[in-house]
Amino acid sequence: MSVASLKVQGGPMDEREVAEFAAHPLVADAVALRRWDDAAKDPKGPVLSLPDLLAAHARCVAAQAS
């Protein structure tokens, strides 16, 4: 994360904010999402094929339907 982005987002979390974030039931999902978002910005990173993306989409749709 850039220093400018961190500043726009309010700066680093204080101890209370860190504790609240760590205690949130979806903390692992939030951290995973952030890591995936950061990794997606790497122009040399892996790229899924269209069939792989469509299969992932179908799994998400099926999971929502059940």
N, C-alpha and C. Protein backbone atom coordinates (compact mmCIF):
# COMPACT_ATOMS: atom_id res chain seq x y z
N MET A 1 0.86 -1.17 0.00
CA MET A 1 0.00 0.00 0.00
C MET A 1 0.90 1.23 0.00
N SER A 2 0.52 2.21 -0.76
CA SER A 2 1.32 3.43 -0.81
C SER A 2 1.05 4.31 0.40
N VAL A 3 1.99 5.17 0.69
CA VAL A 3 1.83 6.10 1.81
C VAL A 3 0.64 7.03 1.55
N ALA A 4 0.47 7.44 0.29
CA ALA A 4 -0.65 8.32 -0.05
C ALA A 4 -1.99 7.62 0.19
N SER A 5 -2.10 6.36 -0.21
CA SER A 5 -3.34 5.61 0.01
C SER A 5 -3.64 5.47 1.49
N LEU A 6 -2.61 5.18 2.26
CA LEU A 6 -2.79 5.03 3.70
C LEU A 6 -3.28 6.33 4.32
N LYS A 7 -2.73 7.45 3.87
CA LYS A 7 -3.16 8.75 4.40
C LYS A 7 -4.63 9.02 4.06
N VAL A 8 -5.02 8.74 2.82
CA VAL A 8 -6.41 8.95 2.40
C VAL A 8 -7.36 8.09 3.23
N GLN A 9 -6.91 6.90 3.62
CA GLN A 9 -7.74 5.98 4.39
C GLN A 9 -7.73 6.28 5.89
N GLY A 10 -7.07 7.35 6.28
CA GLY A 10 -7.09 7.75 7.69
C GLY A 10 -5.84 7.39 8.47
N GLY A 11 -4.82 6.89 7.80
CA GLY A 11 -3.58 6.55 8.47
C GLY A 11 -3.64 5.17 9.12
N PRO A 12 -2.54 4.80 9.77
CA PRO A 12 -2.50 3.49 10.42
C PRO A 12 -3.54 3.38 11.53
N MET A 13 -3.98 2.16 11.78
CA MET A 13 -4.94 1.93 12.87
C MET A 13 -4.25 2.11 14.21
N ASP A 14 -4.99 2.64 15.18
CA ASP A 14 -4.45 2.71 16.54
C ASP A 14 -4.71 1.36 17.22
N GLU A 15 -4.25 1.21 18.46
CA GLU A 15 -4.37 -0.07 19.16
C GLU A 15 -5.82 -0.52 19.31
N ARG A 16 -6.71 0.41 19.59
CA ARG A 16 -8.13 0.07 19.73
C ARG A 16 -8.70 -0.43 18.41
N GLU A 17 -8.37 0.26 17.32
CA GLU A 17 -8.87 -0.15 16.01
C GLU A 17 -8.33 -1.52 15.61
N VAL A 18 -7.06 -1.76 15.91
CA VAL A 18 -6.46 -3.07 15.62
C VAL A 18 -7.19 -4.17 16.38
N ALA A 19 -7.45 -3.93 17.66
CA ALA A 19 -8.14 -4.93 18.48
C ALA A 19 -9.55 -5.19 17.96
N GLU A 20 -10.27 -4.13 17.58
CA GLU A 20 -11.62 -4.29 17.05
C GLU A 20 -11.60 -5.07 15.73
N PHE A 21 -10.65 -4.73 14.88
CA PHE A 21 -10.53 -5.43 13.60
C PHE A 21 -10.20 -6.90 13.82
N ALA A 22 -9.25 -7.17 14.69
CA ALA A 22 -8.83 -8.55 14.96
C ALA A 22 -9.97 -9.38 15.54
N ALA A 23 -10.87 -8.75 16.26
CA ALA A 23 -11.98 -9.46 16.90
C ALA A 23 -13.18 -9.66 15.97
N HIS A 24 -13.16 -9.03 14.81
CA HIS A 24 -14.31 -9.14 13.90
C HIS A 24 -14.41 -10.57 13.37
N PRO A 25 -15.62 -11.11 13.30
CA PRO A 25 -15.77 -12.50 12.86
C PRO A 25 -15.33 -12.76 11.41
N LEU A 26 -15.25 -11.73 10.60
CA LEU A 26 -14.85 -11.91 9.20
C LEU A 26 -13.44 -11.40 8.92
N VAL A 27 -12.62 -11.29 9.97
CA VAL A 27 -11.28 -10.74 9.80
C VAL A 27 -10.45 -11.54 8.79
N ALA A 28 -10.52 -12.86 8.84
CA ALA A 28 -9.72 -13.67 7.92
C ALA A 28 -10.15 -13.42 6.47
N ASP A 29 -11.46 -13.30 6.25
CA ASP A 29 -11.95 -13.01 4.90
C ASP A 29 -11.51 -11.63 4.44
N ALA A 30 -11.54 -10.65 5.33
CA ALA A 30 -11.14 -9.29 4.98
C ALA A 30 -9.66 -9.24 4.59
N VAL A 31 -8.84 -9.93 5.36
CA VAL A 31 -7.40 -9.95 5.07
C VAL A 31 -7.14 -10.69 3.75
N ALA A 32 -7.82 -11.80 3.53
CA ALA A 32 -7.65 -12.54 2.28
C ALA A 32 -8.06 -11.68 1.09
N LEU A 33 -9.19 -10.99 1.21
CA LEU A 33 -9.65 -10.12 0.13
C LEU A 33 -8.62 -9.04 -0.17
N ARG A 34 -8.06 -8.44 0.86
CA ARG A 34 -7.06 -7.39 0.66
C ARG A 34 -5.82 -7.94 -0.03
N ARG A 35 -5.40 -9.14 0.38
CA ARG A 35 -4.22 -9.74 -0.26
C ARG A 35 -4.50 -10.06 -1.73
N TRP A 36 -5.70 -10.57 -2.01
CA TRP A 36 -6.05 -10.86 -3.41
C TRP A 36 -6.09 -9.58 -4.22
N ASP A 37 -6.63 -8.51 -3.64
CA ASP A 37 -6.71 -7.23 -4.33
C ASP A 37 -5.31 -6.71 -4.63
N ASP A 38 -4.42 -6.79 -3.65
CA ASP A 38 -3.04 -6.34 -3.88
C ASP A 38 -2.36 -7.20 -4.94
N ALA A 39 -2.54 -8.52 -4.89
CA ALA A 39 -1.92 -9.41 -5.86
C ALA A 39 -2.45 -9.17 -7.27
N ALA A 40 -3.71 -8.77 -7.38
CA ALA A 40 -4.31 -8.53 -8.69
C ALA A 40 -3.69 -7.33 -9.40
N LYS A 41 -3.00 -6.49 -8.66
CA LYS A 41 -2.38 -5.30 -9.25
C LYS A 41 -1.01 -5.59 -9.84
N ASP A 42 -0.51 -6.82 -9.64
CA ASP A 42 0.80 -7.21 -10.16
C ASP A 42 0.67 -7.56 -11.64
N PRO A 43 1.25 -6.74 -12.53
CA PRO A 43 1.10 -7.02 -13.96
C PRO A 43 1.76 -8.33 -14.39
N LYS A 44 2.66 -8.86 -13.57
CA LYS A 44 3.32 -10.13 -13.90
C LYS A 44 2.68 -11.31 -13.15
N GLY A 45 1.60 -11.03 -12.44
CA GLY A 45 0.93 -12.08 -11.68
C GLY A 45 0.17 -13.05 -12.57
N PRO A 46 -0.29 -14.14 -11.97
CA PRO A 46 -1.03 -15.14 -12.75
C PRO A 46 -2.36 -14.59 -13.25
N VAL A 47 -2.75 -15.08 -14.40
CA VAL A 47 -4.01 -14.66 -15.01
C VAL A 47 -4.84 -15.92 -15.27
N LEU A 48 -6.09 -15.90 -14.80
CA LEU A 48 -6.97 -17.03 -15.06
C LEU A 48 -7.50 -16.96 -16.49
N SER A 49 -7.68 -18.13 -17.07
CA SER A 49 -8.27 -18.19 -18.41
C SER A 49 -9.77 -17.89 -18.30
N LEU A 50 -10.38 -17.56 -19.42
CA LEU A 50 -11.81 -17.30 -19.42
C LEU A 50 -12.60 -18.52 -18.94
N PRO A 51 -12.27 -19.74 -19.40
CA PRO A 51 -13.00 -20.90 -18.87
C PRO A 51 -12.87 -21.05 -17.35
N ASP A 52 -11.69 -20.76 -16.80
CA ASP A 52 -11.52 -20.83 -15.35
C ASP A 52 -12.37 -19.78 -14.64
N LEU A 53 -12.41 -18.57 -15.19
CA LEU A 53 -13.23 -17.52 -14.60
C LEU A 53 -14.72 -17.86 -14.66
N LEU A 54 -15.14 -18.41 -15.78
CA LEU A 54 -16.55 -18.80 -15.92
C LEU A 54 -16.91 -19.93 -14.95
N ALA A 55 -15.98 -20.86 -14.75
CA ALA A 55 -16.22 -21.95 -13.80
C ALA A 55 -16.33 -21.40 -12.38
N ALA A 56 -15.46 -20.46 -12.03
CA ALA A 56 -15.52 -19.84 -10.70
C ALA A 56 -16.84 -19.10 -10.53
N HIS A 57 -17.26 -18.40 -11.55
CA HIS A 57 -18.53 -17.69 -11.51
C HIS A 57 -19.68 -18.67 -11.29
N ALA A 58 -19.67 -19.76 -12.02
CA ALA A 58 -20.74 -20.76 -11.89
C ALA A 58 -20.78 -21.33 -10.47
N ARG A 59 -19.60 -21.56 -9.87
CA ARG A 59 -19.57 -22.06 -8.49
C ARG A 59 -20.16 -21.04 -7.52
N CYS A 60 -19.86 -19.78 -7.72
CA CYS A 60 -20.41 -18.73 -6.85
C CYS A 60 -21.93 -18.64 -6.99
N VAL A 61 -22.41 -18.70 -8.21
CA VAL A 61 -23.86 -18.64 -8.45
C VAL A 61 -24.53 -19.84 -7.81
N ALA A 62 -23.95 -21.02 -7.98
CA ALA A 62 -24.53 -22.23 -7.40
C ALA A 62 -24.54 -22.16 -5.87
N ALA A 63 -23.49 -21.62 -5.29
CA ALA A 63 -23.42 -21.50 -3.83
C ALA A 63 -24.49 -20.54 -3.32
N GLN A 64 -24.76 -19.47 -4.06
CA GLN A 64 -25.78 -18.51 -3.65
C GLN A 64 -27.18 -19.11 -3.76
N ALA A 65 -27.36 -20.03 -4.70
CA ALA A 65 -28.67 -20.63 -4.93
C ALA A 65 -29.02 -21.68 -3.88
N SER A 66 -28.01 -22.21 -3.21
CA SER A 66 -28.29 -23.27 -2.23
C SER A 66 -28.41 -22.76 -0.82
